[in-house]
Amino acid sequence: MDRLEKILLELVQGFVDHPEAVELHTTADADEQGELVIINVKLHKEDVGMCIGQKGTTAEAIRKVIGLIAFKQIEKRVYVKIDAPRIPRNHFDYQQKETA
């Protein structure tokens, strides 16, 4: 698992503005399909948008790459979760009304 975490860490650090703030926390869980490894990626608050991407495309690409590597190397399912702060749904609407 250490090699997989190192790959994920280097991948994420490669495109964020604050690579020193990237942290990984790994937990194991199980469900009806078997064992599941969950890797939480904690980022600097300014890097969350870049790591998630437009409509989640970057996060989904990271999950696919890491999932494929995990399947080949450790034969377990892995889910990568980007830890993002909660923003109210009306937050962006409020800002647009204020500037108009």
N, C-alpha and C. Protein backbone atom coordinates (compact mmCIF):
# COMPACT_ATOMS: atom_id res chain seq x y z
N MET A 1 0.82 -1.20 0.00
CA MET A 1 0.00 0.00 0.00
C MET A 1 0.86 1.26 0.00
N ASP A 2 2.04 1.18 0.58
CA ASP A 2 2.90 2.36 0.63
C ASP A 2 3.24 2.89 -0.76
N ARG A 3 3.45 1.98 -1.69
CA ARG A 3 3.80 2.41 -3.06
C ARG A 3 2.61 3.14 -3.71
N LEU A 4 1.41 2.61 -3.50
CA LEU A 4 0.21 3.24 -4.05
C LEU A 4 0.01 4.63 -3.46
N GLU A 5 0.20 4.76 -2.16
CA GLU A 5 0.07 6.07 -1.50
C GLU A 5 1.11 7.05 -2.03
N LYS A 6 2.32 6.56 -2.26
CA LYS A 6 3.39 7.42 -2.78
C LYS A 6 3.04 7.92 -4.18
N ILE A 7 2.49 7.03 -5.01
CA ILE A 7 2.08 7.42 -6.37
C ILE A 7 1.00 8.49 -6.30
N LEU A 8 -0.01 8.27 -5.45
CA LEU A 8 -1.10 9.24 -5.30
C LEU A 8 -0.58 10.57 -4.79
N LEU A 9 0.29 10.54 -3.79
CA LEU A 9 0.85 11.76 -3.23
C LEU A 9 1.62 12.56 -4.29
N GLU A 10 2.46 11.89 -5.05
CA GLU A 10 3.23 12.57 -6.09
C GLU A 10 2.33 13.10 -7.20
N LEU A 11 1.30 12.34 -7.54
CA LEU A 11 0.36 12.77 -8.58
C LEU A 11 -0.34 14.07 -8.17
N VAL A 12 -0.88 14.10 -6.97
CA VAL A 12 -1.61 15.28 -6.50
C VAL A 12 -0.66 16.45 -6.28
N GLN A 13 0.49 16.21 -5.67
CA GLN A 13 1.45 17.29 -5.43
C GLN A 13 1.95 17.90 -6.74
N GLY A 14 1.88 17.15 -7.82
CA GLY A 14 2.37 17.63 -9.12
C GLY A 14 1.55 18.74 -9.73
N PHE A 15 0.30 18.91 -9.34
CA PHE A 15 -0.50 19.95 -9.98
C PHE A 15 -1.20 20.92 -9.02
N VAL A 16 -0.92 20.85 -7.73
CA VAL A 16 -1.50 21.82 -6.80
C VAL A 16 -0.51 22.94 -6.52
N ASP A 17 -1.01 24.06 -6.01
CA ASP A 17 -0.15 25.21 -5.71
C ASP A 17 0.55 25.10 -4.36
N HIS A 18 0.03 24.25 -3.48
CA HIS A 18 0.61 24.08 -2.14
C HIS A 18 0.91 22.60 -1.91
N PRO A 19 1.93 22.05 -2.58
CA PRO A 19 2.21 20.61 -2.47
C PRO A 19 2.60 20.17 -1.07
N GLU A 20 3.17 21.08 -0.29
CA GLU A 20 3.59 20.72 1.07
C GLU A 20 2.40 20.48 2.00
N ALA A 21 1.22 20.95 1.63
CA ALA A 21 0.02 20.79 2.46
C ALA A 21 -0.76 19.50 2.17
N VAL A 22 -0.35 18.75 1.16
CA VAL A 22 -1.08 17.52 0.80
C VAL A 22 -0.79 16.43 1.83
N GLU A 23 -1.86 15.86 2.38
CA GLU A 23 -1.74 14.77 3.35
C GLU A 23 -2.67 13.63 2.93
N LEU A 24 -2.24 12.41 3.19
CA LEU A 24 -3.06 11.24 2.90
C LEU A 24 -3.36 10.50 4.20
N HIS A 25 -4.61 10.05 4.34
CA HIS A 25 -5.02 9.25 5.49
C HIS A 25 -5.75 8.03 4.95
N THR A 26 -5.25 6.85 5.27
CA THR A 26 -5.79 5.61 4.72
C THR A 26 -6.54 4.83 5.79
N THR A 27 -7.72 4.34 5.42
CA THR A 27 -8.50 3.46 6.30
C THR A 27 -8.99 2.27 5.49
N ALA A 28 -9.22 1.17 6.17
CA ALA A 28 -9.75 -0.02 5.52
C ALA A 28 -11.17 -0.26 6.01
N ASP A 29 -12.01 -0.72 5.12
CA ASP A 29 -13.41 -0.98 5.42
C ASP A 29 -13.82 -2.20 4.61
N ALA A 30 -14.99 -2.71 4.89
CA ALA A 30 -15.50 -3.84 4.12
C ALA A 30 -16.98 -3.62 3.86
N ASP A 31 -17.44 -4.13 2.72
CA ASP A 31 -18.85 -4.08 2.38
C ASP A 31 -19.22 -5.40 1.73
N GLU A 32 -20.39 -5.46 1.11
CA GLU A 32 -20.85 -6.71 0.52
C GLU A 32 -19.97 -7.20 -0.62
N GLN A 33 -19.17 -6.32 -1.21
CA GLN A 33 -18.30 -6.70 -2.33
C GLN A 33 -16.90 -7.08 -1.87
N GLY A 34 -16.61 -6.95 -0.58
CA GLY A 34 -15.29 -7.30 -0.07
C GLY A 34 -14.60 -6.12 0.57
N GLU A 35 -13.28 -6.24 0.64
CA GLU A 35 -12.49 -5.20 1.30
C GLU A 35 -12.37 -3.95 0.43
N LEU A 36 -12.43 -2.81 1.11
CA LEU A 36 -12.33 -1.52 0.43
C LEU A 36 -11.35 -0.66 1.20
N VAL A 37 -10.41 -0.09 0.49
CA VAL A 37 -9.44 0.83 1.09
C VAL A 37 -9.85 2.24 0.70
N ILE A 38 -9.98 3.12 1.69
CA ILE A 38 -10.36 4.50 1.44
C ILE A 38 -9.16 5.39 1.75
N ILE A 39 -8.77 6.19 0.77
CA ILE A 39 -7.66 7.13 0.96
C ILE A 39 -8.24 8.54 0.92
N ASN A 40 -8.17 9.24 2.04
CA ASN A 40 -8.62 10.63 2.11
C ASN A 40 -7.44 11.53 1.76
N VAL A 41 -7.67 12.45 0.85
CA VAL A 41 -6.64 13.40 0.44
C VAL A 41 -7.01 14.76 1.03
N LYS A 42 -6.17 15.25 1.92
CA LYS A 42 -6.39 16.55 2.55
C LYS A 42 -5.49 17.56 1.85
N LEU A 43 -6.09 18.69 1.44
CA LEU A 43 -5.38 19.70 0.67
C LEU A 43 -5.49 21.06 1.34
N HIS A 44 -4.67 21.98 0.86
CA HIS A 44 -4.82 23.38 1.22
C HIS A 44 -6.14 23.85 0.63
N LYS A 45 -6.85 24.72 1.33
CA LYS A 45 -8.19 25.12 0.88
C LYS A 45 -8.19 25.76 -0.50
N GLU A 46 -7.11 26.38 -0.92
CA GLU A 46 -7.05 26.99 -2.25
C GLU A 46 -6.85 25.96 -3.36
N ASP A 47 -6.42 24.74 -3.01
CA ASP A 47 -6.16 23.70 -4.00
C ASP A 47 -7.32 22.74 -4.22
N VAL A 48 -8.35 22.83 -3.40
CA VAL A 48 -9.46 21.88 -3.49
C VAL A 48 -10.13 21.94 -4.85
N GLY A 49 -10.42 23.12 -5.34
CA GLY A 49 -11.08 23.26 -6.65
C GLY A 49 -10.25 22.68 -7.78
N MET A 50 -8.95 22.89 -7.73
CA MET A 50 -8.08 22.37 -8.78
C MET A 50 -8.04 20.84 -8.75
N CYS A 51 -8.07 20.26 -7.56
CA CYS A 51 -8.00 18.81 -7.43
C CYS A 51 -9.32 18.14 -7.79
N ILE A 52 -10.43 18.81 -7.55
CA ILE A 52 -11.73 18.25 -7.91
C ILE A 52 -12.00 18.47 -9.40
N GLY A 53 -11.69 19.64 -9.90
CA GLY A 53 -11.87 19.93 -11.32
C GLY A 53 -13.30 20.31 -11.65
N GLN A 54 -13.50 20.73 -12.87
CA GLN A 54 -14.82 21.15 -13.33
C GLN A 54 -15.75 19.95 -13.39
N LYS A 55 -16.83 20.01 -12.65
CA LYS A 55 -17.82 18.93 -12.54
C LYS A 55 -17.19 17.61 -12.05
N GLY A 56 -16.09 17.71 -11.30
CA GLY A 56 -15.48 16.52 -10.70
C GLY A 56 -14.62 15.70 -11.64
N THR A 57 -14.28 16.24 -12.79
CA THR A 57 -13.55 15.45 -13.79
C THR A 57 -12.13 15.09 -13.34
N THR A 58 -11.43 15.99 -12.68
CA THR A 58 -10.07 15.70 -12.23
C THR A 58 -10.08 14.65 -11.14
N ALA A 59 -10.99 14.80 -10.17
CA ALA A 59 -11.09 13.82 -9.09
C ALA A 59 -11.43 12.44 -9.63
N GLU A 60 -12.32 12.38 -10.59
CA GLU A 60 -12.70 11.10 -11.19
C GLU A 60 -11.53 10.47 -11.93
N ALA A 61 -10.73 11.28 -12.61
CA ALA A 61 -9.55 10.75 -13.31
C ALA A 61 -8.53 10.20 -12.31
N ILE A 62 -8.34 10.90 -11.20
CA ILE A 62 -7.43 10.42 -10.15
C ILE A 62 -7.92 9.08 -9.62
N ARG A 63 -9.23 8.99 -9.36
CA ARG A 63 -9.81 7.74 -8.84
C ARG A 63 -9.61 6.58 -9.82
N LYS A 64 -9.78 6.83 -11.11
CA LYS A 64 -9.63 5.77 -12.11
C LYS A 64 -8.19 5.29 -12.18
N VAL A 65 -7.23 6.21 -12.19
CA VAL A 65 -5.82 5.84 -12.28
C VAL A 65 -5.40 5.05 -11.04
N ILE A 66 -5.73 5.55 -9.88
CA ILE A 66 -5.34 4.88 -8.64
C ILE A 66 -6.08 3.55 -8.50
N GLY A 67 -7.33 3.51 -8.91
CA GLY A 67 -8.09 2.25 -8.86
C GLY A 67 -7.47 1.18 -9.74
N LEU A 68 -7.02 1.55 -10.91
CA LEU A 68 -6.38 0.60 -11.83
C LEU A 68 -5.06 0.10 -11.26
N ILE A 69 -4.26 1.01 -10.73
CA ILE A 69 -2.98 0.62 -10.13
C ILE A 69 -3.23 -0.31 -8.94
N ALA A 70 -4.21 0.03 -8.11
CA ALA A 70 -4.52 -0.79 -6.93
C ALA A 70 -4.97 -2.19 -7.34
N PHE A 71 -5.78 -2.28 -8.35
CA PHE A 71 -6.26 -3.58 -8.82
C PHE A 71 -5.10 -4.46 -9.27
N LYS A 72 -4.15 -3.86 -9.97
CA LYS A 72 -3.01 -4.62 -10.48
C LYS A 72 -2.01 -4.97 -9.38
N GLN A 73 -1.80 -4.06 -8.40
CA GLN A 73 -0.75 -4.26 -7.41
C GLN A 73 -1.21 -4.97 -6.15
N ILE A 74 -2.34 -4.56 -5.60
CA ILE A 74 -2.74 -5.13 -4.30
C ILE A 74 -4.04 -5.92 -4.39
N GLU A 75 -4.66 -5.92 -5.55
CA GLU A 75 -5.89 -6.67 -5.79
C GLU A 75 -6.99 -6.33 -4.78
N LYS A 76 -7.11 -5.06 -4.46
CA LYS A 76 -8.17 -4.57 -3.59
C LYS A 76 -8.81 -3.36 -4.24
N ARG A 77 -10.04 -3.09 -3.87
CA ARG A 77 -10.71 -1.89 -4.35
C ARG A 77 -10.24 -0.71 -3.52
N VAL A 78 -9.97 0.39 -4.19
CA VAL A 78 -9.51 1.61 -3.52
C VAL A 78 -10.39 2.77 -3.96
N TYR A 79 -10.80 3.59 -2.99
CA TYR A 79 -11.57 4.80 -3.30
C TYR A 79 -10.79 6.00 -2.78
N VAL A 80 -10.61 6.98 -3.62
CA VAL A 80 -9.91 8.21 -3.25
C VAL A 80 -10.96 9.28 -2.97
N LYS A 81 -10.91 9.85 -1.77
CA LYS A 81 -11.86 10.88 -1.37
C LYS A 81 -11.11 12.18 -1.16
N ILE A 82 -11.54 13.22 -1.85
CA ILE A 82 -10.95 14.55 -1.69
C ILE A 82 -11.68 15.24 -0.55
N ASP A 83 -10.96 15.57 0.51
CA ASP A 83 -11.58 16.26 1.64
C ASP A 83 -11.75 17.73 1.29
N ALA A 84 -12.99 18.13 1.10
CA ALA A 84 -13.30 19.51 0.71
C ALA A 84 -14.20 20.14 1.77
N PRO A 85 -14.01 21.42 2.04
CA PRO A 85 -14.91 22.09 2.99
C PRO A 85 -16.31 22.21 2.41
N ARG A 86 -17.29 22.17 3.25
CA ARG A 86 -18.68 22.32 2.80
C ARG A 86 -18.97 23.79 2.50
N ILE A 87 -19.52 24.04 1.34
CA ILE A 87 -19.91 25.39 0.93
C ILE A 87 -21.40 25.37 0.69
N PRO A 88 -22.14 26.29 1.30
CA PRO A 88 -23.59 26.31 1.08
C PRO A 88 -23.92 26.47 -0.40
N ARG A 89 -25.00 25.81 -0.83
CA ARG A 89 -25.38 25.86 -2.25
C ARG A 89 -25.63 27.29 -2.73
N ASN A 90 -26.15 28.14 -1.88
CA ASN A 90 -26.48 29.51 -2.31
C ASN A 90 -25.28 30.45 -2.20
N HIS A 91 -24.12 29.95 -1.82
CA HIS A 91 -22.93 30.79 -1.64
C HIS A 91 -22.58 31.56 -2.92
N PHE A 92 -22.57 30.87 -4.05
CA PHE A 92 -22.17 31.50 -5.30
C PHE A 92 -23.27 32.42 -5.83
N ASP A 93 -24.53 32.05 -5.65
CA ASP A 93 -25.64 32.92 -6.05
C ASP A 93 -25.59 34.23 -5.29
N TYR A 94 -25.28 34.16 -4.01
CA TYR A 94 -25.22 35.35 -3.16
C TYR A 94 -24.14 36.30 -3.66
N GLN A 95 -22.96 35.76 -4.00
CA GLN A 95 -21.87 36.60 -4.48
C GLN A 95 -22.23 37.28 -5.81
N GLN A 96 -22.91 36.57 -6.69
CA GLN A 96 -23.27 37.15 -7.98
C GLN A 96 -24.30 38.26 -7.81
N LYS A 97 -25.26 38.09 -6.90
CA LYS A 97 -26.27 39.12 -6.67
C LYS A 97 -25.63 40.36 -6.08
N GLU A 98 -24.63 40.15 -5.21
CA GLU A 98 -24.00 41.26 -4.53
C GLU A 98 -23.19 42.12 -5.50
N THR A 99 -22.56 41.50 -6.51
CA THR A 99 -21.72 42.24 -7.43
C THR A 99 -22.52 42.88 -8.58
N ALA A 100 -23.74 42.41 -8.78
CA ALA A 100 -24.55 42.92 -9.89
C ALA A 100 -25.10 44.30 -9.61
